[in-house]
Amino acid sequence: MKTSFFFENWTEREARKFTKKAMSAIRIIENNPYTFQETDFKNVRKAMIVKPISLYYRINQNTIELLRFWGNRMNPKEIETSL
């Protein structure tokens, strides 16, 4: 997602709040990558940032790969093609 999406569709306050929560989740992932919910995809976990948006990430041997933000209202079958 582009940062401009947030500023075009959310108020500045909402966008800043989301950014703060996303950065907080990324710090948690960095320190303890197994904290958040497992998914049906191999080595992929999901961190809910705000109710309508989650962050999907993959745990590799020595790295964590941030895959994408996903709108939780979107068709969950479509996530597979984007991971």
PDB file of N, CA and C in Angstrom:
ATOM      1  N   MET A   1       0.834  -1.184   0.000  1.00  0.00           N
ATOM      2  CA  MET A   1       0.000   0.000   0.000  1.00  0.00           C
ATOM      3  C   MET A   1       0.873   1.239   0.000  1.00  0.00           C
ATOM      4  N   LYS A   2       0.493   2.177  -0.756  1.00  0.00           N
ATOM      5  CA  LYS A   2       1.236   3.428  -0.800  1.00  0.00           C
ATOM      6  C   LYS A   2       0.792   4.313   0.359  1.00  0.00           C
ATOM      7  N   THR A   3       1.719   5.068   0.884  1.00  0.00           N
ATOM      8  CA  THR A   3       1.381   5.994   1.949  1.00  0.00           C
ATOM      9  C   THR A   3       0.301   6.954   1.489  1.00  0.00           C
ATOM     10  N   SER A   4       0.335   7.372   0.234  1.00  0.00           N
ATOM     11  CA  SER A   4      -0.659   8.321  -0.265  1.00  0.00           C
ATOM     12  C   SER A   4      -2.069   7.761  -0.172  1.00  0.00           C
ATOM     13  N   PHE A   5      -2.242   6.426  -0.257  1.00  0.00           N
ATOM     14  CA  PHE A   5      -3.561   5.819  -0.108  1.00  0.00           C
ATOM     15  C   PHE A   5      -4.193   6.261   1.201  1.00  0.00           C
ATOM     16  N   PHE A   6      -3.398   6.194   2.275  1.00  0.00           N
ATOM     17  CA  PHE A   6      -3.935   6.541   3.574  1.00  0.00           C
ATOM     18  C   PHE A   6      -4.358   7.993   3.634  1.00  0.00           C
ATOM     19  N   PHE A   7      -3.528   8.865   3.110  1.00  0.00           N
ATOM     20  CA  PHE A   7      -3.845  10.280   3.186  1.00  0.00           C
ATOM     21  C   PHE A   7      -4.981  10.663   2.246  1.00  0.00           C
ATOM     22  N   GLU A   8      -5.202   9.872   1.194  1.00  0.00           N
ATOM     23  CA  GLU A   8      -6.308  10.138   0.285  1.00  0.00           C
ATOM     24  C   GLU A   8      -7.633   9.615   0.830  1.00  0.00           C
ATOM     25  N   ASN A   9      -7.596   8.536   1.631  1.00  0.00           N
ATOM     26  CA  ASN A   9      -8.811   7.885   2.083  1.00  0.00           C
ATOM     27  C   ASN A   9      -9.071   8.009   3.578  1.00  0.00           C
ATOM     28  N   TRP A  10      -8.089   8.411   4.338  1.00  0.00           N
ATOM     29  CA  TRP A  10      -8.236   8.575   5.770  1.00  0.00           C
ATOM     30  C   TRP A  10      -7.875  10.004   6.137  1.00  0.00           C
ATOM     31  N   THR A  11      -8.282  10.386   7.320  1.00  0.00           N
ATOM     32  CA  THR A  11      -7.840  11.685   7.819  1.00  0.00           C
ATOM     33  C   THR A  11      -6.358  11.562   8.178  1.00  0.00           C
ATOM     34  N   GLU A  12      -5.709  12.677   8.314  1.00  0.00           N
ATOM     35  CA  GLU A  12      -4.293  12.653   8.689  1.00  0.00           C
ATOM     36  C   GLU A  12      -4.121  11.950  10.033  1.00  0.00           C
ATOM     37  N   ARG A  13      -5.038  12.194  10.945  1.00  0.00           N
ATOM     38  CA  ARG A  13      -4.969  11.560  12.269  1.00  0.00           C
ATOM     39  C   ARG A  13      -5.078  10.039  12.153  1.00  0.00           C
ATOM     40  N   GLU A  14      -6.003   9.541  11.337  1.00  0.00           N
ATOM     41  CA  GLU A  14      -6.169   8.103  11.143  1.00  0.00           C
ATOM     42  C   GLU A  14      -4.914   7.492  10.512  1.00  0.00           C
ATOM     43  N   ALA A  15      -4.362   8.172   9.530  1.00  0.00           N
ATOM     44  CA  ALA A  15      -3.165   7.673   8.848  1.00  0.00           C
ATOM     45  C   ALA A  15      -1.976   7.617   9.801  1.00  0.00           C
ATOM     46  N   ARG A  16      -1.818   8.633  10.607  1.00  0.00           N
ATOM     47  CA  ARG A  16      -0.704   8.642  11.566  1.00  0.00           C
ATOM     48  C   ARG A  16      -0.891   7.557  12.631  1.00  0.00           C
ATOM     49  N   LYS A  17      -2.134   7.360  13.068  1.00  0.00           N
ATOM     50  CA  LYS A  17      -2.422   6.316  14.055  1.00  0.00           C
ATOM     51  C   LYS A  17      -2.095   4.935  13.473  1.00  0.00           C
ATOM     52  N   PHE A  18      -2.483   4.716  12.214  1.00  0.00           N
ATOM     53  CA  PHE A  18      -2.175   3.450  11.558  1.00  0.00           C
ATOM     54  C   PHE A  18      -0.670   3.251  11.459  1.00  0.00           C
ATOM     55  N   THR A  19       0.041   4.265  11.036  1.00  0.00           N
ATOM     56  CA  THR A  19       1.492   4.182  10.897  1.00  0.00           C
ATOM     57  C   THR A  19       2.146   3.833  12.228  1.00  0.00           C
ATOM     58  N   LYS A  20       1.686   4.458  13.279  1.00  0.00           N
ATOM     59  CA  LYS A  20       2.231   4.185  14.611  1.00  0.00           C
ATOM     60  C   LYS A  20       1.969   2.730  15.015  1.00  0.00           C
ATOM     61  N   LYS A  21       0.762   2.240  14.773  1.00  0.00           N
ATOM     62  CA  LYS A  21       0.442   0.851  15.111  1.00  0.00           C
ATOM     63  C   LYS A  21       1.222  -0.133  14.242  1.00  0.00           C
ATOM     64  N   ALA A  22       1.398   0.188  12.973  1.00  0.00           N
ATOM     65  CA  ALA A  22       2.157  -0.686  12.079  1.00  0.00           C
ATOM     66  C   ALA A  22       3.612  -0.771  12.543  1.00  0.00           C
ATOM     67  N   MET A  23       4.201   0.344  12.884  1.00  0.00           N
ATOM     68  CA  MET A  23       5.588   0.346  13.345  1.00  0.00           C
ATOM     69  C   MET A  23       5.728  -0.425  14.658  1.00  0.00           C
ATOM     70  N   SER A  24       4.736  -0.305  15.527  1.00  0.00           N
ATOM     71  CA  SER A  24       4.748  -1.049  16.784  1.00  0.00           C
ATOM     72  C   SER A  24       4.692  -2.556  16.515  1.00  0.00           C
ATOM     73  N   ALA A  25       3.830  -2.973  15.608  1.00  0.00           N
ATOM     74  CA  ALA A  25       3.732  -4.402  15.255  1.00  0.00           C
ATOM     75  C   ALA A  25       5.029  -4.896  14.639  1.00  0.00           C
ATOM     76  N   ILE A  26       5.650  -4.091  13.804  1.00  0.00           N
ATOM     77  CA  ILE A  26       6.915  -4.486  13.179  1.00  0.00           C
ATOM     78  C   ILE A  26       8.000  -4.663  14.240  1.00  0.00           C
ATOM     79  N   ARG A  27       8.026  -3.804  15.244  1.00  0.00           N
ATOM     80  CA  ARG A  27       9.005  -3.965  16.342  1.00  0.00           C
ATOM     81  C   ARG A  27       8.752  -5.270  17.105  1.00  0.00           C
ATOM     82  N   ILE A  28       7.469  -5.598  17.330  1.00  0.00           N
ATOM     83  CA  ILE A  28       7.131  -6.861  18.004  1.00  0.00           C
ATOM     84  C   ILE A  28       7.586  -8.037  17.150  1.00  0.00           C
ATOM     85  N   ILE A  29       7.314  -7.979  15.855  1.00  0.00           N
ATOM     86  CA  ILE A  29       7.727  -9.042  14.939  1.00  0.00           C
ATOM     87  C   ILE A  29       9.244  -9.192  14.951  1.00  0.00           C
ATOM     88  N   GLU A  30       9.929  -8.076  14.952  1.00  0.00           N
ATOM     89  CA  GLU A  30      11.392  -8.088  14.954  1.00  0.00           C
ATOM     90  C   GLU A  30      11.940  -8.788  16.199  1.00  0.00           C
ATOM     91  N   ASN A  31      11.330  -8.530  17.351  1.00  0.00           N
ATOM     92  CA  ASN A  31      11.807  -9.087  18.614  1.00  0.00           C
ATOM     93  C   ASN A  31      11.285 -10.490  18.900  1.00  0.00           C
ATOM     94  N   ASN A  32      10.085 -10.799  18.435  1.00  0.00           N
ATOM     95  CA  ASN A  32       9.502 -12.116  18.668  1.00  0.00           C
ATOM     96  C   ASN A  32       8.581 -12.459  17.498  1.00  0.00           C
ATOM     97  N   PRO A  33       9.133 -12.968  16.418  1.00  0.00           N
ATOM     98  CA  PRO A  33       8.358 -13.178  15.195  1.00  0.00           C
ATOM     99  C   PRO A  33       7.218 -14.184  15.316  1.00  0.00           C
ATOM    100  N   TYR A  34       7.221 -14.995  16.361  1.00  0.00           N
ATOM    101  CA  TYR A  34       6.179 -16.014  16.503  1.00  0.00           C
ATOM    102  C   TYR A  34       4.985 -15.538  17.338  1.00  0.00           C
ATOM    103  N   THR A  35       4.954 -14.274  17.678  1.00  0.00           N
ATOM    104  CA  THR A  35       3.879 -13.722  18.508  1.00  0.00           C
ATOM    105  C   THR A  35       2.527 -13.776  17.817  1.00  0.00           C
ATOM    106  N   PHE A  36       2.486 -13.451  16.545  1.00  0.00           N
ATOM    107  CA  PHE A  36       1.207 -13.291  15.862  1.00  0.00           C
ATOM    108  C   PHE A  36       0.702 -14.595  15.247  1.00  0.00           C
ATOM    109  N   GLN A  37      -0.524 -14.558  14.826  1.00  0.00           N
ATOM    110  CA  GLN A  37      -1.275 -15.714  14.343  1.00  0.00           C
ATOM    111  C   GLN A  37      -0.648 -16.396  13.129  1.00  0.00           C
ATOM    112  N   GLU A  38      -0.607 -17.731  13.175  1.00  0.00           N
ATOM    113  CA  GLU A  38      -0.165 -18.517  12.026  1.00  0.00           C
ATOM    114  C   GLU A  38      -1.241 -18.470  10.947  1.00  0.00           C
ATOM    115  N   THR A  39      -0.839 -18.680   9.708  1.00  0.00           N
ATOM    116  CA  THR A  39      -1.791 -18.778   8.603  1.00  0.00           C
ATOM    117  C   THR A  39      -1.665 -20.162   7.976  1.00  0.00           C
ATOM    118  N   ASP A  40      -2.451 -20.411   6.960  1.00  0.00           N
ATOM    119  CA  ASP A  40      -2.384 -21.688   6.237  1.00  0.00           C
ATOM    120  C   ASP A  40      -1.213 -21.728   5.253  1.00  0.00           C
ATOM    121  N   PHE A  41      -0.499 -20.623   5.114  1.00  0.00           N
ATOM    122  CA  PHE A  41       0.632 -20.553   4.191  1.00  0.00           C
ATOM    123  C   PHE A  41       1.924 -20.853   4.945  1.00  0.00           C
ATOM    124  N   LYS A  42       2.805 -21.593   4.305  1.00  0.00           N
ATOM    125  CA  LYS A  42       4.046 -22.024   4.947  1.00  0.00           C
ATOM    126  C   LYS A  42       4.877 -20.843   5.447  1.00  0.00           C
ATOM    127  N   ASN A  43       5.192 -20.860   6.732  1.00  0.00           N
ATOM    128  CA  ASN A  43       6.034 -19.861   7.395  1.00  0.00           C
ATOM    129  C   ASN A  43       5.459 -18.445   7.357  1.00  0.00           C
ATOM    130  N   VAL A  44       4.175 -18.299   7.072  1.00  0.00           N
ATOM    131  CA  VAL A  44       3.557 -16.972   6.987  1.00  0.00           C
ATOM    132  C   VAL A  44       2.658 -16.751   8.195  1.00  0.00           C
ATOM    133  N   ARG A  45       2.794 -15.577   8.768  1.00  0.00           N
ATOM    134  CA  ARG A  45       1.974 -15.174   9.911  1.00  0.00           C
ATOM    135  C   ARG A  45       1.263 -13.866   9.596  1.00  0.00           C
ATOM    136  N   LYS A  46       0.274 -13.561  10.433  1.00  0.00           N
ATOM    137  CA  LYS A  46      -0.558 -12.379  10.196  1.00  0.00           C
ATOM    138  C   LYS A  46      -0.676 -11.574  11.479  1.00  0.00           C
ATOM    139  N   ALA A  47      -0.347 -10.298  11.382  1.00  0.00           N
ATOM    140  CA  ALA A  47      -0.490  -9.381  12.506  1.00  0.00           C
ATOM    141  C   ALA A  47      -1.599  -8.384  12.169  1.00  0.00           C
ATOM    142  N   MET A  48      -2.645  -8.342  12.992  1.00  0.00           N
ATOM    143  CA  MET A  48      -3.695  -7.358  12.758  1.00  0.00           C
ATOM    144  C   MET A  48      -3.195  -6.001  13.246  1.00  0.00           C
ATOM    145  N   ILE A  49      -3.148  -5.049  12.332  1.00  0.00           N
ATOM    146  CA  ILE A  49      -2.662  -3.710  12.663  1.00  0.00           C
ATOM    147  C   ILE A  49      -3.813  -2.873  13.214  1.00  0.00           C
ATOM    148  N   VAL A  50      -4.861  -2.773  12.452  1.00  0.00           N
ATOM    149  CA  VAL A  50      -6.137  -2.201  12.871  1.00  0.00           C
ATOM    150  C   VAL A  50      -7.195  -3.163  12.354  1.00  0.00           C
ATOM    151  N   LYS A  51      -8.402  -3.064  12.868  1.00  0.00           N
ATOM    152  CA  LYS A  51      -9.416  -4.059  12.530  1.00  0.00           C
ATOM    153  C   LYS A  51      -9.530  -4.349  11.032  1.00  0.00           C
ATOM    154  N   PRO A  52      -9.540  -3.354  10.159  1.00  0.00           N
ATOM    155  CA  PRO A  52      -9.689  -3.694   8.738  1.00  0.00           C
ATOM    156  C   PRO A  52      -8.400  -4.039   7.995  1.00  0.00           C
ATOM    157  N   ILE A  53      -7.214  -3.966   8.641  1.00  0.00           N
ATOM    158  CA  ILE A  53      -5.955  -4.189   7.908  1.00  0.00           C
ATOM    159  C   ILE A  53      -4.987  -5.044   8.724  1.00  0.00           C
ATOM    160  N   SER A  54      -4.437  -6.069   8.060  1.00  0.00           N
ATOM    161  CA  SER A  54      -3.423  -6.926   8.674  1.00  0.00           C
ATOM    162  C   SER A  54      -2.137  -6.860   7.867  1.00  0.00           C
ATOM    163  N   LEU A  55      -1.049  -7.214   8.525  1.00  0.00           N
ATOM    164  CA  LEU A  55       0.253  -7.309   7.889  1.00  0.00           C
ATOM    165  C   LEU A  55       0.637  -8.779   7.833  1.00  0.00           C
ATOM    166  N   TYR A  56       0.919  -9.274   6.638  1.00  0.00           N
ATOM    167  CA  TYR A  56       1.385 -10.647   6.456  1.00  0.00           C
ATOM    168  C   TYR A  56       2.903 -10.624   6.347  1.00  0.00           C
ATOM    169  N   TYR A  57       3.529 -11.579   7.004  1.00  0.00           N
ATOM    170  CA  TYR A  57       4.981 -11.656   6.971  1.00  0.00           C
ATOM    171  C   TYR A  57       5.432 -13.113   6.992  1.00  0.00           C
ATOM    172  N   ARG A  58       6.609 -13.354   6.441  1.00  0.00           N
ATOM    173  CA  ARG A  58       7.167 -14.702   6.352  1.00  0.00           C
ATOM    174  C   ARG A  58       8.418 -14.783   7.212  1.00  0.00           C
ATOM    175  N   ILE A  59       8.520 -15.884   7.936  1.00  0.00           N
ATOM    176  CA  ILE A  59       9.707 -16.137   8.744  1.00  0.00           C
ATOM    177  C   ILE A  59      10.591 -17.106   7.970  1.00  0.00           C
ATOM    178  N   ASN A  60      11.779 -16.662   7.622  1.00  0.00           N
ATOM    179  CA  ASN A  60      12.783 -17.503   6.988  1.00  0.00           C
ATOM    180  C   ASN A  60      13.812 -17.879   8.044  1.00  0.00           C
ATOM    181  N   GLN A  61      14.850 -18.554   7.683  1.00  0.00           N
ATOM    182  CA  GLN A  61      15.822 -19.020   8.673  1.00  0.00           C
ATOM    183  C   GLN A  61      16.342 -17.892   9.558  1.00  0.00           C
ATOM    184  N   ASN A  62      16.917 -16.884   8.962  1.00  0.00           N
ATOM    185  CA  ASN A  62      17.504 -15.786   9.741  1.00  0.00           C
ATOM    186  C   ASN A  62      16.900 -14.431   9.407  1.00  0.00           C
ATOM    187  N   THR A  63      15.812 -14.442   8.666  1.00  0.00           N
ATOM    188  CA  THR A  63      15.219 -13.171   8.256  1.00  0.00           C
ATOM    189  C   THR A  63      13.701 -13.207   8.408  1.00  0.00           C
ATOM    190  N   ILE A  64      13.142 -12.037   8.441  1.00  0.00           N
ATOM    191  CA  ILE A  64      11.696 -11.865   8.435  1.00  0.00           C
ATOM    192  C   ILE A  64      11.373 -11.015   7.229  1.00  0.00           C
ATOM    193  N   GLU A  65      10.486 -11.503   6.406  1.00  0.00           N
ATOM    194  CA  GLU A  65      10.114 -10.808   5.174  1.00  0.00           C
ATOM    195  C   GLU A  65       8.697 -10.247   5.325  1.00  0.00           C
ATOM    196  N   LEU A  66       8.571  -8.928   5.297  1.00  0.00           N
ATOM    197  CA  LEU A  66       7.257  -8.302   5.340  1.00  0.00           C
ATOM    198  C   LEU A  66       6.656  -8.426   3.943  1.00  0.00           C
ATOM    199  N   LEU A  67       5.518  -9.097   3.842  1.00  0.00           N
ATOM    200  CA  LEU A  67       4.961  -9.419   2.537  1.00  0.00           C
ATOM    201  C   LEU A  67       3.995  -8.368   2.025  1.00  0.00           C
ATOM    202  N   ARG A  68       3.003  -8.025   2.840  1.00  0.00           N
ATOM    203  CA  ARG A  68       2.034  -7.031   2.387  1.00  0.00           C
ATOM    204  C   ARG A  68       1.019  -6.713   3.467  1.00  0.00           C
ATOM    205  N   PHE A  69       0.438  -5.533   3.332  1.00  0.00           N
ATOM    206  CA  PHE A  69      -0.736  -5.185   4.120  1.00  0.00           C
ATOM    207  C   PHE A  69      -1.933  -5.708   3.356  1.00  0.00           C
ATOM    208  N   TRP A  70      -2.932  -6.189   4.089  1.00  0.00           N
ATOM    209  CA  TRP A  70      -4.101  -6.779   3.440  1.00  0.00           C
ATOM    210  C   TRP A  70      -5.363  -6.271   4.115  1.00  0.00           C
ATOM    211  N   GLY A  71      -6.317  -5.814   3.299  1.00  0.00           N
ATOM    212  CA  GLY A  71      -7.615  -5.404   3.818  1.00  0.00           C
ATOM    213  C   GLY A  71      -8.404  -6.633   4.238  1.00  0.00           C
ATOM    214  N   ASN A  72      -8.753  -6.731   5.505  1.00  0.00           N
ATOM    215  CA  ASN A  72      -9.429  -7.909   6.023  1.00  0.00           C
ATOM    216  C   ASN A  72     -10.834  -8.094   5.454  1.00  0.00           C
ATOM    217  N   ARG A  73     -11.371  -7.090   4.810  1.00  0.00           N
ATOM    218  CA  ARG A  73     -12.685  -7.203   4.179  1.00  0.00           C
ATOM    219  C   ARG A  73     -12.588  -7.778   2.763  1.00  0.00           C
ATOM    220  N   MET A  74     -11.366  -7.910   2.268  1.00  0.00           N
ATOM    221  CA  MET A  74     -11.165  -8.433   0.919  1.00  0.00           C
ATOM    222  C   MET A  74     -11.340  -9.949   0.920  1.00  0.00           C
ATOM    223  N   ASN A  75     -11.538 -10.511  -0.240  1.00  0.00           N
ATOM    224  CA  ASN A  75     -11.719 -11.946  -0.406  1.00  0.00           C
ATOM    225  C   ASN A  75     -10.450 -12.670   0.052  1.00  0.00           C
ATOM    226  N   PRO A  76     -10.531 -13.502   1.094  1.00  0.00           N
ATOM    227  CA  PRO A  76      -9.325 -14.167   1.610  1.00  0.00           C
ATOM    228  C   PRO A  76      -8.698 -15.125   0.592  1.00  0.00           C
ATOM    229  N   LYS A  77      -9.447 -15.603  -0.375  1.00  0.00           N
ATOM    230  CA  LYS A  77      -8.882 -16.495  -1.386  1.00  0.00           C
ATOM    231  C   LYS A  77      -7.885 -15.777  -2.274  1.00  0.00           C
ATOM    232  N   GLU A  78      -8.000 -14.450  -2.374  1.00  0.00           N
ATOM    233  CA  GLU A  78      -7.105 -13.674  -3.226  1.00  0.00           C
ATOM    234  C   GLU A  78      -5.735 -13.433  -2.612  1.00  0.00           C
ATOM    235  N   ILE A  79      -5.632 -13.613  -1.316  1.00  0.00           N
ATOM    236  CA  ILE A  79      -4.349 -13.354  -0.651  1.00  0.00           C
ATOM    237  C   ILE A  79      -3.282 -14.323  -1.151  1.00  0.00           C
ATOM    238  N   GLU A  80      -3.675 -15.538  -1.447  1.00  0.00           N
ATOM    239  CA  GLU A  80      -2.700 -16.554  -1.875  1.00  0.00           C
ATOM    240  C   GLU A  80      -1.924 -16.110  -3.113  1.00  0.00           C
ATOM    241  N   THR A  81      -2.590 -15.476  -4.041  1.00  0.00           N
ATOM    242  CA  THR A  81      -1.917 -15.056  -5.274  1.00  0.00           C
ATOM    243  C   THR A  81      -0.978 -13.881  -5.039  1.00  0.00           C
ATOM    244  N   SER A  82      -1.156 -13.168  -3.930  1.00  0.00           N
ATOM    245  CA  SER A  82      -0.314 -11.995  -3.687  1.00  0.00           C
ATOM    246  C   SER A  82       0.824 -12.274  -2.727  1.00  0.00           C
ATOM    247  N   LEU A  83       0.881 -13.485  -2.189  1.00  0.00           N
ATOM    248  CA  LEU A  83       1.987 -13.824  -1.286  1.00  0.00           C
ATOM    249  C   LEU A  83       3.020 -14.547  -2.088  1.00  0.00           C
TER     250      LEU A  83
END
